[in-house]
Amino acid sequence: SGNSTRIFFFLWDKMGNTDKLADKARSQVAATDVEKNPAHFHRTDEQKKFLMNRLKRLEGQIRGLEKMIDNDASCNEVLQQSVSAGSALDGFQQEVLSYHVKGCITSGVYDDNADEIDELLKLIRKLMK
């Protein structure tokens, strides 16, 4: 678990986080949210809007792929568009992971919950497959 903690703080530093950010994230949690799931922070309206816009762009790219297949576009064009869609999904996952680390995981670390760090590492391994 000590190694996990070092890895967490390495990632934390790379993301440019500060104690102020952790305090701000904690202050945004409603008491009912803590009771339901103490490791989960609800996203702000701004974060939700940002993520929804990313998903809508991704949806548009997927629909574009469907049209390309339907219109018998070249394999090269389809592959280029699918790479763009994959990159859009990667960007979405990076944002959600960032929110997760800055909110949920940070709270777990400050509350001495080493399980949160282990959960993060498992999640990162899944994302890297």
N, C-alpha and C. Protein backbone atom coordinates (compact mmCIF):
# COMPACT_ATOMS: atom_id res chain seq x y z
N SER A 1 0.81 -1.20 0.00
CA SER A 1 0.00 0.00 0.00
C SER A 1 0.86 1.26 0.00
N GLY A 2 2.04 1.21 0.60
CA GLY A 2 2.95 2.36 0.59
C GLY A 2 3.36 2.72 -0.82
N ASN A 3 3.61 1.70 -1.65
CA ASN A 3 3.96 1.94 -3.05
C ASN A 3 2.78 2.57 -3.79
N SER A 4 1.59 2.11 -3.48
CA SER A 4 0.39 2.67 -4.10
C SER A 4 0.27 4.15 -3.77
N THR A 5 0.55 4.50 -2.53
CA THR A 5 0.46 5.89 -2.10
C THR A 5 1.46 6.75 -2.86
N ARG A 6 2.68 6.25 -3.03
CA ARG A 6 3.69 7.00 -3.78
C ARG A 6 3.25 7.21 -5.22
N ILE A 7 2.66 6.19 -5.83
CA ILE A 7 2.19 6.30 -7.21
C ILE A 7 1.07 7.33 -7.29
N PHE A 8 0.15 7.29 -6.32
CA PHE A 8 -0.94 8.26 -6.31
C PHE A 8 -0.39 9.68 -6.28
N PHE A 9 0.53 9.95 -5.35
CA PHE A 9 1.04 11.31 -5.23
C PHE A 9 1.87 11.72 -6.44
N PHE A 10 2.52 10.76 -7.09
CA PHE A 10 3.21 11.06 -8.35
C PHE A 10 2.19 11.55 -9.37
N LEU A 11 1.08 10.80 -9.52
CA LEU A 11 0.03 11.20 -10.46
C LEU A 11 -0.58 12.53 -10.04
N TRP A 12 -0.79 12.69 -8.76
CA TRP A 12 -1.37 13.91 -8.22
C TRP A 12 -0.52 15.13 -8.59
N ASP A 13 0.80 15.01 -8.37
CA ASP A 13 1.70 16.12 -8.70
C ASP A 13 1.71 16.41 -10.20
N LYS A 14 1.67 15.36 -11.01
CA LYS A 14 1.69 15.54 -12.46
C LYS A 14 0.45 16.28 -12.95
N MET A 15 -0.65 16.15 -12.22
CA MET A 15 -1.88 16.81 -12.61
C MET A 15 -1.94 18.23 -12.07
N GLY A 16 -0.90 18.67 -11.35
CA GLY A 16 -0.83 20.04 -10.87
C GLY A 16 -1.80 20.35 -9.75
N ASN A 17 -2.05 19.40 -8.90
CA ASN A 17 -3.03 19.59 -7.84
C ASN A 17 -2.42 20.19 -6.59
N THR A 18 -3.27 20.81 -5.81
CA THR A 18 -2.85 21.44 -4.56
C THR A 18 -3.83 21.08 -3.47
N ASP A 19 -3.46 21.40 -2.24
CA ASP A 19 -4.38 21.18 -1.12
C ASP A 19 -5.64 22.01 -1.27
N LYS A 20 -5.51 23.20 -1.85
CA LYS A 20 -6.68 24.05 -2.06
C LYS A 20 -7.71 23.34 -2.93
N LEU A 21 -7.22 22.63 -3.97
CA LEU A 21 -8.12 21.92 -4.86
C LEU A 21 -8.85 20.82 -4.09
N ALA A 22 -8.14 20.10 -3.26
CA ALA A 22 -8.77 19.04 -2.48
C ALA A 22 -9.82 19.62 -1.55
N ASP A 23 -9.50 20.73 -0.91
CA ASP A 23 -10.47 21.37 -0.02
C ASP A 23 -11.70 21.82 -0.79
N LYS A 24 -11.48 22.37 -1.99
CA LYS A 24 -12.59 22.82 -2.81
C LYS A 24 -13.47 21.63 -3.22
N ALA A 25 -12.82 20.53 -3.61
CA ALA A 25 -13.58 19.34 -4.01
C ALA A 25 -14.42 18.83 -2.85
N ARG A 26 -13.83 18.79 -1.66
CA ARG A 26 -14.56 18.33 -0.48
C ARG A 26 -15.74 19.24 -0.17
N SER A 27 -15.56 20.53 -0.33
CA SER A 27 -16.61 21.48 0.02
C SER A 27 -17.81 21.36 -0.91
N GLN A 28 -17.62 20.76 -2.08
CA GLN A 28 -18.71 20.65 -3.05
C GLN A 28 -19.58 19.42 -2.82
N VAL A 29 -19.24 18.61 -1.85
CA VAL A 29 -19.97 17.38 -1.60
C VAL A 29 -21.13 17.66 -0.65
N ALA A 30 -22.32 17.27 -1.04
CA ALA A 30 -23.48 17.42 -0.16
C ALA A 30 -23.44 16.32 0.89
N ALA A 31 -24.00 16.60 2.04
CA ALA A 31 -24.00 15.62 3.14
C ALA A 31 -24.67 14.32 2.72
N THR A 32 -25.72 14.40 1.92
CA THR A 32 -26.40 13.18 1.49
C THR A 32 -25.52 12.35 0.58
N ASP A 33 -24.67 13.00 -0.21
CA ASP A 33 -23.76 12.26 -1.08
C ASP A 33 -22.78 11.45 -0.25
N VAL A 34 -22.30 12.02 0.83
CA VAL A 34 -21.34 11.33 1.68
C VAL A 34 -21.99 10.13 2.34
N GLU A 35 -23.24 10.28 2.73
CA GLU A 35 -23.94 9.17 3.35
C GLU A 35 -24.15 8.02 2.37
N LYS A 36 -24.49 8.34 1.12
CA LYS A 36 -24.73 7.31 0.11
C LYS A 36 -23.45 6.58 -0.27
N ASN A 37 -22.43 7.33 -0.57
CA ASN A 37 -21.17 6.76 -1.02
C ASN A 37 -20.07 7.75 -0.69
N PRO A 38 -19.37 7.55 0.43
CA PRO A 38 -18.39 8.54 0.86
C PRO A 38 -17.25 8.75 -0.13
N ALA A 39 -17.03 7.83 -1.04
CA ALA A 39 -15.91 7.97 -1.98
C ALA A 39 -16.34 8.63 -3.29
N HIS A 40 -17.61 8.99 -3.41
CA HIS A 40 -18.10 9.55 -4.68
C HIS A 40 -18.45 11.02 -4.52
N PHE A 41 -17.92 11.84 -5.41
CA PHE A 41 -18.25 13.25 -5.47
C PHE A 41 -19.14 13.46 -6.68
N HIS A 42 -20.19 14.21 -6.50
CA HIS A 42 -21.03 14.53 -7.65
C HIS A 42 -20.37 15.62 -8.47
N ARG A 43 -20.53 15.51 -9.78
CA ARG A 43 -19.93 16.49 -10.68
C ARG A 43 -20.67 17.82 -10.60
N THR A 44 -19.94 18.88 -10.84
CA THR A 44 -20.56 20.19 -10.90
C THR A 44 -21.36 20.29 -12.19
N ASP A 45 -22.25 21.27 -12.27
CA ASP A 45 -23.01 21.48 -13.51
C ASP A 45 -22.08 21.76 -14.68
N GLU A 46 -21.01 22.50 -14.41
CA GLU A 46 -20.03 22.81 -15.46
C GLU A 46 -19.33 21.54 -15.95
N GLN A 47 -18.96 20.65 -15.04
CA GLN A 47 -18.32 19.39 -15.41
C GLN A 47 -19.28 18.52 -16.22
N LYS A 48 -20.54 18.45 -15.77
CA LYS A 48 -21.53 17.66 -16.51
C LYS A 48 -21.70 18.19 -17.93
N LYS A 49 -21.80 19.50 -18.06
CA LYS A 49 -21.98 20.10 -19.38
C LYS A 49 -20.78 19.78 -20.28
N PHE A 50 -19.58 19.91 -19.73
CA PHE A 50 -18.37 19.62 -20.49
C PHE A 50 -18.36 18.16 -20.96
N LEU A 51 -18.66 17.23 -20.05
CA LEU A 51 -18.67 15.81 -20.40
C LEU A 51 -19.77 15.49 -21.41
N MET A 52 -20.94 16.08 -21.23
CA MET A 52 -22.04 15.83 -22.17
C MET A 52 -21.69 16.35 -23.56
N ASN A 53 -21.02 17.49 -23.65
CA ASN A 53 -20.59 18.00 -24.96
C ASN A 53 -19.61 17.05 -25.61
N ARG A 54 -18.70 16.50 -24.83
CA ARG A 54 -17.75 15.52 -25.39
C ARG A 54 -18.49 14.29 -25.91
N LEU A 55 -19.48 13.83 -25.15
CA LEU A 55 -20.24 12.65 -25.57
C LEU A 55 -21.05 12.94 -26.83
N LYS A 56 -21.60 14.14 -26.94
CA LYS A 56 -22.36 14.50 -28.14
C LYS A 56 -21.46 14.54 -29.37
N ARG A 57 -20.23 15.05 -29.19
CA ARG A 57 -19.27 15.05 -30.31
C ARG A 57 -18.94 13.61 -30.71
N LEU A 58 -18.74 12.77 -29.71
CA LEU A 58 -18.43 11.36 -29.97
C LEU A 58 -19.61 10.69 -30.69
N GLU A 59 -20.81 10.98 -30.24
CA GLU A 59 -21.99 10.43 -30.88
C GLU A 59 -22.06 10.86 -32.35
N GLY A 60 -21.74 12.12 -32.63
CA GLY A 60 -21.72 12.60 -34.00
C GLY A 60 -20.68 11.88 -34.85
N GLN A 61 -19.53 11.60 -34.24
CA GLN A 61 -18.49 10.87 -34.98
C GLN A 61 -18.93 9.44 -35.29
N ILE A 62 -19.61 8.80 -34.35
CA ILE A 62 -20.10 7.44 -34.57
C ILE A 62 -21.17 7.44 -35.67
N ARG A 63 -22.06 8.41 -35.62
CA ARG A 63 -23.08 8.51 -36.68
C ARG A 63 -22.43 8.76 -38.04
N GLY A 64 -21.36 9.54 -38.03
CA GLY A 64 -20.62 9.76 -39.27
C GLY A 64 -20.04 8.47 -39.80
N LEU A 65 -19.52 7.64 -38.90
CA LEU A 65 -19.00 6.33 -39.30
C LEU A 65 -20.11 5.46 -39.90
N GLU A 66 -21.27 5.50 -39.27
CA GLU A 66 -22.40 4.71 -39.81
C GLU A 66 -22.74 5.15 -41.23
N LYS A 67 -22.77 6.46 -41.45
CA LYS A 67 -23.07 6.98 -42.79
C LYS A 67 -21.99 6.57 -43.78
N MET A 68 -20.74 6.62 -43.32
CA MET A 68 -19.63 6.26 -44.20
C MET A 68 -19.75 4.80 -44.65
N ILE A 69 -20.10 3.93 -43.72
CA ILE A 69 -20.27 2.51 -44.07
C ILE A 69 -21.45 2.36 -45.02
N ASP A 70 -22.55 3.04 -44.67
CA ASP A 70 -23.75 2.97 -45.49
C ASP A 70 -23.50 3.49 -46.91
N ASN A 71 -22.66 4.52 -47.02
CA ASN A 71 -22.35 5.11 -48.34
C ASN A 71 -21.14 4.47 -49.00
N ASP A 72 -20.64 3.39 -48.43
CA ASP A 72 -19.52 2.63 -48.98
C ASP A 72 -18.25 3.48 -49.14
N ALA A 73 -17.94 4.26 -48.10
CA ALA A 73 -16.71 5.07 -48.11
C ALA A 73 -15.50 4.14 -48.10
N SER A 74 -14.37 4.67 -48.49
CA SER A 74 -13.15 3.86 -48.55
C SER A 74 -12.74 3.42 -47.14
N CYS A 75 -12.05 2.31 -47.09
CA CYS A 75 -11.55 1.79 -45.81
C CYS A 75 -10.66 2.83 -45.12
N ASN A 76 -9.83 3.50 -45.91
CA ASN A 76 -8.93 4.51 -45.35
C ASN A 76 -9.72 5.62 -44.64
N GLU A 77 -10.77 6.11 -45.30
CA GLU A 77 -11.59 7.17 -44.70
C GLU A 77 -12.29 6.69 -43.43
N VAL A 78 -12.80 5.47 -43.47
CA VAL A 78 -13.48 4.90 -42.30
C VAL A 78 -12.50 4.74 -41.16
N LEU A 79 -11.32 4.25 -41.45
CA LEU A 79 -10.32 4.07 -40.39
C LEU A 79 -9.89 5.39 -39.79
N GLN A 80 -9.72 6.41 -40.63
CA GLN A 80 -9.34 7.73 -40.12
C GLN A 80 -10.43 8.28 -39.19
N GLN A 81 -11.67 8.12 -39.59
CA GLN A 81 -12.78 8.59 -38.76
C GLN A 81 -12.88 7.79 -37.46
N SER A 82 -12.61 6.48 -37.55
CA SER A 82 -12.69 5.66 -36.33
C SER A 82 -11.57 6.00 -35.36
N VAL A 83 -10.41 6.38 -35.87
CA VAL A 83 -9.32 6.84 -35.00
C VAL A 83 -9.73 8.13 -34.30
N SER A 84 -10.38 9.02 -35.02
CA SER A 84 -10.87 10.26 -34.40
C SER A 84 -11.88 9.97 -33.30
N ALA A 85 -12.78 9.04 -33.55
CA ALA A 85 -13.77 8.67 -32.54
C ALA A 85 -13.09 8.04 -31.33
N GLY A 86 -12.10 7.20 -31.58
CA GLY A 86 -11.35 6.59 -30.47
C GLY A 86 -10.63 7.65 -29.64
N SER A 87 -10.06 8.64 -30.31
CA SER A 87 -9.39 9.73 -29.59
C SER A 87 -10.39 10.54 -28.76
N ALA A 88 -11.57 10.74 -29.30
CA ALA A 88 -12.61 11.47 -28.56
C ALA A 88 -13.02 10.70 -27.32
N LEU A 89 -13.14 9.39 -27.43
CA LEU A 89 -13.48 8.56 -26.27
C LEU A 89 -12.35 8.59 -25.25
N ASP A 90 -11.11 8.54 -25.73
CA ASP A 90 -9.95 8.63 -24.82
C ASP A 90 -9.98 9.96 -24.05
N GLY A 91 -10.29 11.05 -24.75
CA GLY A 91 -10.36 12.36 -24.10
C GLY A 91 -11.45 12.40 -23.04
N PHE A 92 -12.58 11.79 -23.34
CA PHE A 92 -13.68 11.71 -22.37
C PHE A 92 -13.23 10.94 -21.13
N GLN A 93 -12.59 9.80 -21.33
CA GLN A 93 -12.12 8.99 -20.20
C GLN A 93 -11.08 9.73 -19.38
N GLN A 94 -10.22 10.48 -20.03
CA GLN A 94 -9.21 11.25 -19.30
C GLN A 94 -9.85 12.30 -18.41
N GLU A 95 -10.89 12.95 -18.90
CA GLU A 95 -11.59 13.95 -18.10
C GLU A 95 -12.26 13.32 -16.89
N VAL A 96 -12.96 12.21 -17.11
CA VAL A 96 -13.64 11.54 -16.00
C VAL A 96 -12.61 11.05 -14.98
N LEU A 97 -11.50 10.52 -15.45
CA LEU A 97 -10.43 10.08 -14.55
C LEU A 97 -9.87 11.25 -13.76
N SER A 98 -9.72 12.38 -14.40
CA SER A 98 -9.22 13.57 -13.72
C SER A 98 -10.17 13.99 -12.60
N TYR A 99 -11.47 14.01 -12.90
CA TYR A 99 -12.46 14.35 -11.87
C TYR A 99 -12.41 13.33 -10.74
N HIS A 100 -12.24 12.07 -11.10
CA HIS A 100 -12.20 10.99 -10.11
C HIS A 100 -11.01 11.17 -9.16
N VAL A 101 -9.85 11.46 -9.73
CA VAL A 101 -8.64 11.63 -8.91
C VAL A 101 -8.76 12.88 -8.05
N LYS A 102 -9.22 13.97 -8.64
CA LYS A 102 -9.28 15.23 -7.90
C LYS A 102 -10.35 15.22 -6.81
N GLY A 103 -11.38 14.41 -6.97
CA GLY A 103 -12.46 14.39 -6.00
C GLY A 103 -12.47 13.14 -5.15
N CYS A 104 -12.89 12.05 -5.75
CA CYS A 104 -13.11 10.80 -5.02
C CYS A 104 -11.82 10.27 -4.39
N ILE A 105 -10.78 10.14 -5.18
CA ILE A 105 -9.54 9.55 -4.69
C ILE A 105 -8.86 10.46 -3.68
N THR A 106 -8.86 11.76 -3.94
CA THR A 106 -8.24 12.71 -3.02
C THR A 106 -8.88 12.61 -1.64
N SER A 107 -10.19 12.54 -1.63
CA SER A 107 -10.90 12.42 -0.36
C SER A 107 -10.47 11.14 0.36
N GLY A 108 -10.36 10.05 -0.37
CA GLY A 108 -9.94 8.78 0.23
C GLY A 108 -8.54 8.85 0.80
N VAL A 109 -7.63 9.54 0.12
CA VAL A 109 -6.25 9.66 0.60
C VAL A 109 -6.21 10.50 1.87
N TYR A 110 -6.91 11.62 1.86
CA TYR A 110 -6.92 12.47 3.04
C TYR A 110 -7.62 11.81 4.22
N ASP A 111 -8.49 10.86 3.94
CA ASP A 111 -9.17 10.13 5.00
C ASP A 111 -8.45 8.82 5.33
N ASP A 112 -7.21 8.68 4.84
CA ASP A 112 -6.38 7.48 5.06
C ASP A 112 -7.05 6.19 4.58
N ASN A 113 -7.72 6.25 3.45
CA ASN A 113 -8.37 5.09 2.88
C ASN A 113 -7.51 4.57 1.73
N ALA A 114 -6.60 3.66 2.04
CA ALA A 114 -5.68 3.12 1.03
C ALA A 114 -6.41 2.33 -0.05
N ASP A 115 -7.61 1.85 0.27
CA ASP A 115 -8.38 1.10 -0.73
C ASP A 115 -8.71 1.96 -1.95
N GLU A 116 -8.89 3.26 -1.73
CA GLU A 116 -9.18 4.16 -2.85
C GLU A 116 -8.03 4.20 -3.84
N ILE A 117 -6.81 4.19 -3.34
CA ILE A 117 -5.64 4.21 -4.22
C ILE A 117 -5.55 2.91 -4.99
N ASP A 118 -5.76 1.80 -4.31
CA ASP A 118 -5.73 0.50 -4.98
C ASP A 118 -6.81 0.43 -6.06
N GLU A 119 -7.99 0.98 -5.77
CA GLU A 119 -9.07 1.02 -6.75
C GLU A 119 -8.67 1.85 -7.97
N LEU A 120 -8.01 2.97 -7.72
CA LEU A 120 -7.54 3.81 -8.82
C LEU A 120 -6.54 3.06 -9.69
N LEU A 121 -5.62 2.38 -9.08
CA LEU A 121 -4.62 1.64 -9.85
C LEU A 121 -5.26 0.55 -10.69
N LYS A 122 -6.26 -0.14 -10.16
CA LYS A 122 -6.98 -1.16 -10.93
C LYS A 122 -7.68 -0.51 -12.12
N LEU A 123 -8.29 0.64 -11.86
CA LEU A 123 -8.97 1.36 -12.94
C LEU A 123 -8.01 1.78 -14.04
N ILE A 124 -6.86 2.30 -13.66
CA ILE A 124 -5.86 2.72 -14.64
C ILE A 124 -5.40 1.53 -15.47
N ARG A 125 -5.21 0.39 -14.82
CA ARG A 125 -4.80 -0.82 -15.57
C ARG A 125 -5.87 -1.19 -16.60
N LYS A 126 -7.15 -1.10 -16.22
CA LYS A 126 -8.23 -1.41 -17.17
C LYS A 126 -8.22 -0.43 -18.34
N LEU A 127 -8.01 0.84 -18.04
CA LEU A 127 -8.02 1.86 -19.10
C LEU A 127 -6.84 1.70 -20.05
N MET A 128 -5.77 1.12 -19.57
CA MET A 128 -4.56 1.00 -20.40
C MET A 128 -4.57 -0.26 -21.25
N LYS A 129 -5.56 -1.13 -21.10
CA LYS A 129 -5.60 -2.37 -21.89
C LYS A 129 -5.94 -2.07 -23.32
